[in-house]
Amino acid sequence: MKVKITVSLRTGVLDPAAETIHRSMGQLGFEAVTSVVQRRVFEVDIAKSDRDAVLAEAHAMADKLLANPVIETFTVDLVE
């Protein structure tokens, strides 16, 4: 089964890369853009057929390796 793990900065944590992109969009004429959020997306194939086991393993991966719990949050979705 394939899962998609999306890692984002927590609300209130500064994202200088997204701020730079937002500023550049305005300079290029895209004035209607009100905000930019940068995320990391991981697509992971897990060789298990039990949906609950796959989701539990993906959550463990994100919690232990892919996201920094101090400044980031994550979501896990099955890709069908």
PDB file of N, CA and C in Angstrom:
ATOM      1  N   MET A   1       0.844  -1.176   0.000  1.00  0.00           N
ATOM      2  CA  MET A   1       0.000   0.000   0.000  1.00  0.00           C
ATOM      3  C   MET A   1       0.887   1.237   0.000  1.00  0.00           C
ATOM      4  N   LYS A   2       0.383   2.288  -0.611  1.00  0.00           N
ATOM      5  CA  LYS A   2       1.129   3.534  -0.676  1.00  0.00           C
ATOM      6  C   LYS A   2       0.472   4.559   0.244  1.00  0.00           C
ATOM      7  N   VAL A   3       1.319   5.303   0.965  1.00  0.00           N
ATOM      8  CA  VAL A   3       0.847   6.388   1.821  1.00  0.00           C
ATOM      9  C   VAL A   3       1.547   7.675   1.415  1.00  0.00           C
ATOM     10  N   LYS A   4       0.868   8.775   1.690  1.00  0.00           N
ATOM     11  CA  LYS A   4       1.457  10.093   1.480  1.00  0.00           C
ATOM     12  C   LYS A   4       1.569  10.748   2.842  1.00  0.00           C
ATOM     13  N   ILE A   5       2.788  11.132   3.207  1.00  0.00           N
ATOM     14  CA  ILE A   5       3.047  11.800   4.477  1.00  0.00           C
ATOM     15  C   ILE A   5       3.414  13.244   4.151  1.00  0.00           C
ATOM     16  N   THR A   6       2.629  14.180   4.676  1.00  0.00           N
ATOM     17  CA  THR A   6       2.868  15.596   4.424  1.00  0.00           C
ATOM     18  C   THR A   6       3.319  16.257   5.715  1.00  0.00           C
ATOM     19  N   VAL A   7       4.489  16.883   5.672  1.00  0.00           N
ATOM     20  CA  VAL A   7       5.086  17.518   6.847  1.00  0.00           C
ATOM     21  C   VAL A   7       5.037  19.032   6.657  1.00  0.00           C
ATOM     22  N   SER A   8       4.518  19.736   7.656  1.00  0.00           N
ATOM     23  CA  SER A   8       4.383  21.195   7.602  1.00  0.00           C
ATOM     24  C   SER A   8       4.923  21.813   8.884  1.00  0.00           C
ATOM     25  N   LEU A   9       5.330  23.072   8.776  1.00  0.00           N
ATOM     26  CA  LEU A   9       5.734  23.800   9.969  1.00  0.00           C
ATOM     27  C   LEU A   9       4.494  24.099  10.811  1.00  0.00           C
ATOM     28  N   ARG A  10       4.674  24.084  12.122  1.00  0.00           N
ATOM     29  CA  ARG A  10       3.576  24.436  13.017  1.00  0.00           C
ATOM     30  C   ARG A  10       3.215  25.913  12.833  1.00  0.00           C
ATOM     31  N   THR A  11       1.973  26.247  13.150  1.00  0.00           N
ATOM     32  CA  THR A  11       1.535  27.637  13.102  1.00  0.00           C
ATOM     33  C   THR A  11       2.410  28.467  14.031  1.00  0.00           C
ATOM     34  N   GLY A  12       2.886  29.589  13.533  1.00  0.00           N
ATOM     35  CA  GLY A  12       3.725  30.476  14.333  1.00  0.00           C
ATOM     36  C   GLY A  12       5.208  30.296  14.115  1.00  0.00           C
ATOM     37  N   VAL A  13       5.614  29.201  13.479  1.00  0.00           N
ATOM     38  CA  VAL A  13       7.031  28.983  13.185  1.00  0.00           C
ATOM     39  C   VAL A  13       7.341  29.712  11.879  1.00  0.00           C
ATOM     40  N   LEU A  14       8.375  30.537  11.894  1.00  0.00           N
ATOM     41  CA  LEU A  14       8.745  31.305  10.715  1.00  0.00           C
ATOM     42  C   LEU A  14       9.224  30.391   9.591  1.00  0.00           C
ATOM     43  N   ASP A  15       8.819  30.728   8.362  1.00  0.00           N
ATOM     44  CA  ASP A  15       9.219  29.975   7.170  1.00  0.00           C
ATOM     45  C   ASP A  15       9.859  30.956   6.187  1.00  0.00           C
ATOM     46  N   PRO A  16      11.160  31.220   6.330  1.00  0.00           N
ATOM     47  CA  PRO A  16      11.805  32.224   5.486  1.00  0.00           C
ATOM     48  C   PRO A  16      11.752  31.888   3.987  1.00  0.00           C
ATOM     49  N   ALA A  17      11.811  30.619   3.626  1.00  0.00           N
ATOM     50  CA  ALA A  17      11.754  30.255   2.203  1.00  0.00           C
ATOM     51  C   ALA A  17      10.392  30.615   1.616  1.00  0.00           C
ATOM     52  N   ALA A  18       9.316  30.291   2.329  1.00  0.00           N
ATOM     53  CA  ALA A  18       7.978  30.621   1.847  1.00  0.00           C
ATOM     54  C   ALA A  18       7.774  32.133   1.795  1.00  0.00           C
ATOM     55  N   GLU A  19       8.320  32.855   2.774  1.00  0.00           N
ATOM     56  CA  GLU A  19       8.203  34.310   2.771  1.00  0.00           C
ATOM     57  C   GLU A  19       8.935  34.915   1.575  1.00  0.00           C
ATOM     58  N   THR A  20      10.094  34.390   1.244  1.00  0.00           N
ATOM     59  CA  THR A  20      10.854  34.873   0.080  1.00  0.00           C
ATOM     60  C   THR A  20      10.083  34.613  -1.208  1.00  0.00           C
ATOM     61  N   ILE A  21       9.507  33.428  -1.330  1.00  0.00           N
ATOM     62  CA  ILE A  21       8.711  33.094  -2.521  1.00  0.00           C
ATOM     63  C   ILE A  21       7.505  34.020  -2.613  1.00  0.00           C
ATOM     64  N   HIS A  22       6.836  34.254  -1.502  1.00  0.00           N
ATOM     65  CA  HIS A  22       5.670  35.143  -1.488  1.00  0.00           C
ATOM     66  C   HIS A  22       6.057  36.547  -1.949  1.00  0.00           C
ATOM     67  N   ARG A  23       7.153  37.056  -1.434  1.00  0.00           N
ATOM     68  CA  ARG A  23       7.631  38.387  -1.812  1.00  0.00           C
ATOM     69  C   ARG A  23       7.956  38.432  -3.310  1.00  0.00           C
ATOM     70  N   SER A  24       8.603  37.381  -3.807  1.00  0.00           N
ATOM     71  CA  SER A  24       8.960  37.311  -5.230  1.00  0.00           C
ATOM     72  C   SER A  24       7.725  37.236  -6.110  1.00  0.00           C
ATOM     73  N   MET A  25       6.692  36.541  -5.665  1.00  0.00           N
ATOM     74  CA  MET A  25       5.453  36.471  -6.440  1.00  0.00           C
ATOM     75  C   MET A  25       4.863  37.861  -6.642  1.00  0.00           C
ATOM     76  N   GLY A  26       4.871  38.653  -5.589  1.00  0.00           N
ATOM     77  CA  GLY A  26       4.369  40.022  -5.700  1.00  0.00           C
ATOM     78  C   GLY A  26       5.189  40.839  -6.684  1.00  0.00           C
ATOM     79  N   GLN A  27       6.506  40.672  -6.645  1.00  0.00           N
ATOM     80  CA  GLN A  27       7.385  41.404  -7.553  1.00  0.00           C
ATOM     81  C   GLN A  27       7.191  40.978  -9.002  1.00  0.00           C
ATOM     82  N   LEU A  28       6.728  39.754  -9.222  1.00  0.00           N
ATOM     83  CA  LEU A  28       6.501  39.246 -10.580  1.00  0.00           C
ATOM     84  C   LEU A  28       5.080  39.525 -11.074  1.00  0.00           C
ATOM     85  N   GLY A  29       4.317  40.244 -10.266  1.00  0.00           N
ATOM     86  CA  GLY A  29       2.990  40.634 -10.711  1.00  0.00           C
ATOM     87  C   GLY A  29       1.850  39.786 -10.174  1.00  0.00           C
ATOM     88  N   PHE A  30       2.140  38.853  -9.303  1.00  0.00           N
ATOM     89  CA  PHE A  30       1.090  38.009  -8.726  1.00  0.00           C
ATOM     90  C   PHE A  30       0.633  38.606  -7.388  1.00  0.00           C
ATOM     91  N   GLU A  31       0.056  39.813  -7.447  1.00  0.00           N
ATOM     92  CA  GLU A  31      -0.303  40.548  -6.237  1.00  0.00           C
ATOM     93  C   GLU A  31      -1.457  39.920  -5.464  1.00  0.00           C
ATOM     94  N   ALA A  32      -2.266  39.080  -6.102  1.00  0.00           N
ATOM     95  CA  ALA A  32      -3.421  38.487  -5.429  1.00  0.00           C
ATOM     96  C   ALA A  32      -3.028  37.379  -4.449  1.00  0.00           C
ATOM     97  N   VAL A  33      -1.789  36.904  -4.492  1.00  0.00           N
ATOM     98  CA  VAL A  33      -1.348  35.848  -3.575  1.00  0.00           C
ATOM     99  C   VAL A  33      -1.236  36.445  -2.169  1.00  0.00           C
ATOM    100  N   THR A  34      -1.968  35.861  -1.228  1.00  0.00           N
ATOM    101  CA  THR A  34      -1.966  36.399   0.133  1.00  0.00           C
ATOM    102  C   THR A  34      -1.040  35.644   1.080  1.00  0.00           C
ATOM    103  N   SER A  35      -0.699  34.401   0.755  1.00  0.00           N
ATOM    104  CA  SER A  35       0.241  33.658   1.594  1.00  0.00           C
ATOM    105  C   SER A  35       0.785  32.462   0.829  1.00  0.00           C
ATOM    106  N   VAL A  36       1.924  31.992   1.279  1.00  0.00           N
ATOM    107  CA  VAL A  36       2.569  30.803   0.702  1.00  0.00           C
ATOM    108  C   VAL A  36       2.976  29.900   1.856  1.00  0.00           C
ATOM    109  N   VAL A  37       2.678  28.616   1.726  1.00  0.00           N
ATOM    110  CA  VAL A  37       3.080  27.625   2.720  1.00  0.00           C
ATOM    111  C   VAL A  37       3.917  26.575   2.015  1.00  0.00           C
ATOM    112  N   GLN A  38       5.039  26.266   2.596  1.00  0.00           N
ATOM    113  CA  GLN A  38       5.920  25.243   2.037  1.00  0.00           C
ATOM    114  C   GLN A  38       5.730  23.954   2.835  1.00  0.00           C
ATOM    115  N   ARG A  39       5.608  22.843   2.120  1.00  0.00           N
ATOM    116  CA  ARG A  39       5.455  21.536   2.774  1.00  0.00           C
ATOM    117  C   ARG A  39       6.391  20.533   2.119  1.00  0.00           C
ATOM    118  N   ARG A  40       6.696  19.476   2.870  1.00  0.00           N
ATOM    119  CA  ARG A  40       7.441  18.339   2.301  1.00  0.00           C
ATOM    120  C   ARG A  40       6.473  17.179   2.199  1.00  0.00           C
ATOM    121  N   VAL A  41       6.507  16.496   1.061  1.00  0.00           N
ATOM    122  CA  VAL A  41       5.615  15.357   0.841  1.00  0.00           C
ATOM    123  C   VAL A  41       6.450  14.119   0.558  1.00  0.00           C
ATOM    124  N   PHE A  42       6.157  13.050   1.281  1.00  0.00           N
ATOM    125  CA  PHE A  42       6.828  11.767   1.089  1.00  0.00           C
ATOM    126  C   PHE A  42       5.780  10.760   0.650  1.00  0.00           C
ATOM    127  N   GLU A  43       6.049  10.048  -0.432  1.00  0.00           N
ATOM    128  CA  GLU A  43       5.191   8.935  -0.841  1.00  0.00           C
ATOM    129  C   GLU A  43       5.956   7.658  -0.540  1.00  0.00           C
ATOM    130  N   VAL A  44       5.357   6.816   0.278  1.00  0.00           N
ATOM    131  CA  VAL A  44       6.041   5.631   0.784  1.00  0.00           C
ATOM    132  C   VAL A  44       5.200   4.395   0.466  1.00  0.00           C
ATOM    133  N   ASP A  45       5.828   3.387  -0.138  1.00  0.00           N
ATOM    134  CA  ASP A  45       5.178   2.100  -0.365  1.00  0.00           C
ATOM    135  C   ASP A  45       5.503   1.190   0.809  1.00  0.00           C
ATOM    136  N   ILE A  46       4.475   0.618   1.402  1.00  0.00           N
ATOM    137  CA  ILE A  46       4.647  -0.288   2.541  1.00  0.00           C
ATOM    138  C   ILE A  46       4.067  -1.639   2.144  1.00  0.00           C
ATOM    139  N   ALA A  47       4.878  -2.676   2.239  1.00  0.00           N
ATOM    140  CA  ALA A  47       4.486  -4.018   1.789  1.00  0.00           C
ATOM    141  C   ALA A  47       3.654  -4.730   2.852  1.00  0.00           C
ATOM    142  N   LYS A  48       2.496  -4.179   3.128  1.00  0.00           N
ATOM    143  CA  LYS A  48       1.529  -4.790   4.047  1.00  0.00           C
ATOM    144  C   LYS A  48       0.156  -4.575   3.441  1.00  0.00           C
ATOM    145  N   SER A  49      -0.771  -5.463   3.753  1.00  0.00           N
ATOM    146  CA  SER A  49      -2.112  -5.329   3.190  1.00  0.00           C
ATOM    147  C   SER A  49      -3.144  -4.852   4.210  1.00  0.00           C
ATOM    148  N   ASP A  50      -2.794  -4.861   5.485  1.00  0.00           N
ATOM    149  CA  ASP A  50      -3.709  -4.408   6.524  1.00  0.00           C
ATOM    150  C   ASP A  50      -3.655  -2.883   6.630  1.00  0.00           C
ATOM    151  N   ARG A  51      -4.767  -2.243   6.323  1.00  0.00           N
ATOM    152  CA  ARG A  51      -4.830  -0.781   6.280  1.00  0.00           C
ATOM    153  C   ARG A  51      -4.414  -0.137   7.605  1.00  0.00           C
ATOM    154  N   ASP A  52      -4.923  -0.648   8.713  1.00  0.00           N
ATOM    155  CA  ASP A  52      -4.594  -0.075  10.020  1.00  0.00           C
ATOM    156  C   ASP A  52      -3.108  -0.215  10.337  1.00  0.00           C
ATOM    157  N   ALA A  53      -2.521  -1.348   9.973  1.00  0.00           N
ATOM    158  CA  ALA A  53      -1.088  -1.563  10.213  1.00  0.00           C
ATOM    159  C   ALA A  53      -0.250  -0.611   9.370  1.00  0.00           C
ATOM    160  N   VAL A  54      -0.658  -0.397   8.129  1.00  0.00           N
ATOM    161  CA  VAL A  54       0.064   0.522   7.239  1.00  0.00           C
ATOM    162  C   VAL A  54       0.009   1.943   7.791  1.00  0.00           C
ATOM    163  N   LEU A  55      -1.172   2.375   8.189  1.00  0.00           N
ATOM    164  CA  LEU A  55      -1.308   3.726   8.739  1.00  0.00           C
ATOM    165  C   LEU A  55      -0.511   3.898  10.022  1.00  0.00           C
ATOM    166  N   ALA A  56      -0.524   2.875  10.879  1.00  0.00           N
ATOM    167  CA  ALA A  56       0.235   2.938  12.131  1.00  0.00           C
ATOM    168  C   ALA A  56       1.735   3.031  11.845  1.00  0.00           C
ATOM    169  N   GLU A  57       2.201   2.260  10.874  1.00  0.00           N
ATOM    170  CA  GLU A  57       3.628   2.297  10.541  1.00  0.00           C
ATOM    171  C   GLU A  57       4.014   3.651   9.939  1.00  0.00           C
ATOM    172  N   ALA A  58       3.165   4.192   9.092  1.00  0.00           N
ATOM    173  CA  ALA A  58       3.438   5.497   8.486  1.00  0.00           C
ATOM    174  C   ALA A  58       3.470   6.597   9.551  1.00  0.00           C
ATOM    175  N   HIS A  59       2.547   6.541  10.507  1.00  0.00           N
ATOM    176  CA  HIS A  59       2.556   7.514  11.594  1.00  0.00           C
ATOM    177  C   HIS A  59       3.850   7.403  12.406  1.00  0.00           C
ATOM    178  N   ALA A  60       4.291   6.179  12.662  1.00  0.00           N
ATOM    179  CA  ALA A  60       5.529   5.976  13.416  1.00  0.00           C
ATOM    180  C   ALA A  60       6.723   6.533  12.644  1.00  0.00           C
ATOM    181  N   MET A  61       6.767   6.306  11.324  1.00  0.00           N
ATOM    182  CA  MET A  61       7.857   6.857  10.494  1.00  0.00           C
ATOM    183  C   MET A  61       7.899   8.374  10.584  1.00  0.00           C
ATOM    184  N   ALA A  62       6.738   8.986  10.438  1.00  0.00           N
ATOM    185  CA  ALA A  62       6.678  10.444  10.467  1.00  0.00           C
ATOM    186  C   ALA A  62       7.082  10.974  11.839  1.00  0.00           C
ATOM    187  N   ASP A  63       6.603  10.339  12.881  1.00  0.00           N
ATOM    188  CA  ASP A  63       6.877  10.788  14.246  1.00  0.00           C
ATOM    189  C   ASP A  63       8.341  10.618  14.628  1.00  0.00           C
ATOM    190  N   LYS A  64       8.956   9.517  14.202  1.00  0.00           N
ATOM    191  CA  LYS A  64      10.328   9.209  14.610  1.00  0.00           C
ATOM    192  C   LYS A  64      11.402   9.747  13.670  1.00  0.00           C
ATOM    193  N   LEU A  65      11.050   9.985  12.404  1.00  0.00           N
ATOM    194  CA  LEU A  65      12.089  10.299  11.428  1.00  0.00           C
ATOM    195  C   LEU A  65      11.791  11.509  10.549  1.00  0.00           C
ATOM    196  N   LEU A  66      10.602  11.594   9.999  1.00  0.00           N
ATOM    197  CA  LEU A  66      10.331  12.564   8.944  1.00  0.00           C
ATOM    198  C   LEU A  66       9.963  13.961   9.445  1.00  0.00           C
ATOM    199  N   ALA A  67       9.411  14.070  10.633  1.00  0.00           N
ATOM    200  CA  ALA A  67       8.989  15.367  11.164  1.00  0.00           C
ATOM    201  C   ALA A  67       9.687  15.654  12.489  1.00  0.00           C
ATOM    202  N   ASN A  68      10.019  16.911  12.679  1.00  0.00           N
ATOM    203  CA  ASN A  68      10.559  17.368  13.952  1.00  0.00           C
ATOM    204  C   ASN A  68       9.362  17.810  14.799  1.00  0.00           C
ATOM    205  N   PRO A  69       9.004  17.046  15.832  1.00  0.00           N
ATOM    206  CA  PRO A  69       7.773  17.335  16.584  1.00  0.00           C
ATOM    207  C   PRO A  69       7.773  18.688  17.286  1.00  0.00           C
ATOM    208  N   VAL A  70       8.927  19.296  17.458  1.00  0.00           N
ATOM    209  CA  VAL A  70       8.993  20.596  18.127  1.00  0.00           C
ATOM    210  C   VAL A  70       8.451  21.694  17.217  1.00  0.00           C
ATOM    211  N   ILE A  71       8.767  21.628  15.910  1.00  0.00           N
ATOM    212  CA  ILE A  71       8.380  22.717  15.008  1.00  0.00           C
ATOM    213  C   ILE A  71       7.489  22.286  13.846  1.00  0.00           C
ATOM    214  N   GLU A  72       7.213  20.974  13.718  1.00  0.00           N
ATOM    215  CA  GLU A  72       6.465  20.493  12.566  1.00  0.00           C
ATOM    216  C   GLU A  72       5.291  19.605  12.974  1.00  0.00           C
ATOM    217  N   THR A  73       4.303  19.559  12.090  1.00  0.00           N
ATOM    218  CA  THR A  73       3.191  18.627  12.211  1.00  0.00           C
ATOM    219  C   THR A  73       3.162  17.797  10.942  1.00  0.00           C
ATOM    220  N   PHE A  74       2.374  16.722  10.958  1.00  0.00           N
ATOM    221  CA  PHE A  74       2.289  15.893   9.757  1.00  0.00           C
ATOM    222  C   PHE A  74       0.901  15.284   9.627  1.00  0.00           C
ATOM    223  N   THR A  75       0.583  14.915   8.395  1.00  0.00           N
ATOM    224  CA  THR A  75      -0.634  14.159   8.127  1.00  0.00           C
ATOM    225  C   THR A  75      -0.238  12.931   7.324  1.00  0.00           C
ATOM    226  N   VAL A  76      -1.018  11.876   7.466  1.00  0.00           N
ATOM    227  CA  VAL A  76      -0.799  10.624   6.737  1.00  0.00           C
ATOM    228  C   VAL A  76      -2.083  10.272   5.994  1.00  0.00           C
ATOM    229  N   ASP A  77      -1.964  10.025   4.710  1.00  0.00           N
ATOM    230  CA  ASP A  77      -3.114   9.659   3.893  1.00  0.00           C
ATOM    231  C   ASP A  77      -2.777   8.433   3.048  1.00  0.00           C
ATOM    232  N   LEU A  78      -3.741   7.529   2.915  1.00  0.00           N
ATOM    233  CA  LEU A  78      -3.571   6.414   1.991  1.00  0.00           C
ATOM    234  C   LEU A  78      -3.726   6.925   0.562  1.00  0.00           C
ATOM    235  N   VAL A  79      -2.868   6.437  -0.325  1.00  0.00           N
ATOM    236  CA  VAL A  79      -2.972   6.764  -1.741  1.00  0.00           C
ATOM    237  C   VAL A  79      -3.607   5.585  -2.415  1.00  0.00           C
ATOM    238  N   GLU A  80      -4.747   5.809  -3.042  1.00  0.00           N
ATOM    239  CA  GLU A  80      -5.462   4.676  -3.637  1.00  0.00           C
ATOM    240  C   GLU A  80      -5.440   4.731  -5.137  1.00  0.00           C
TER     241      GLU A  80
END
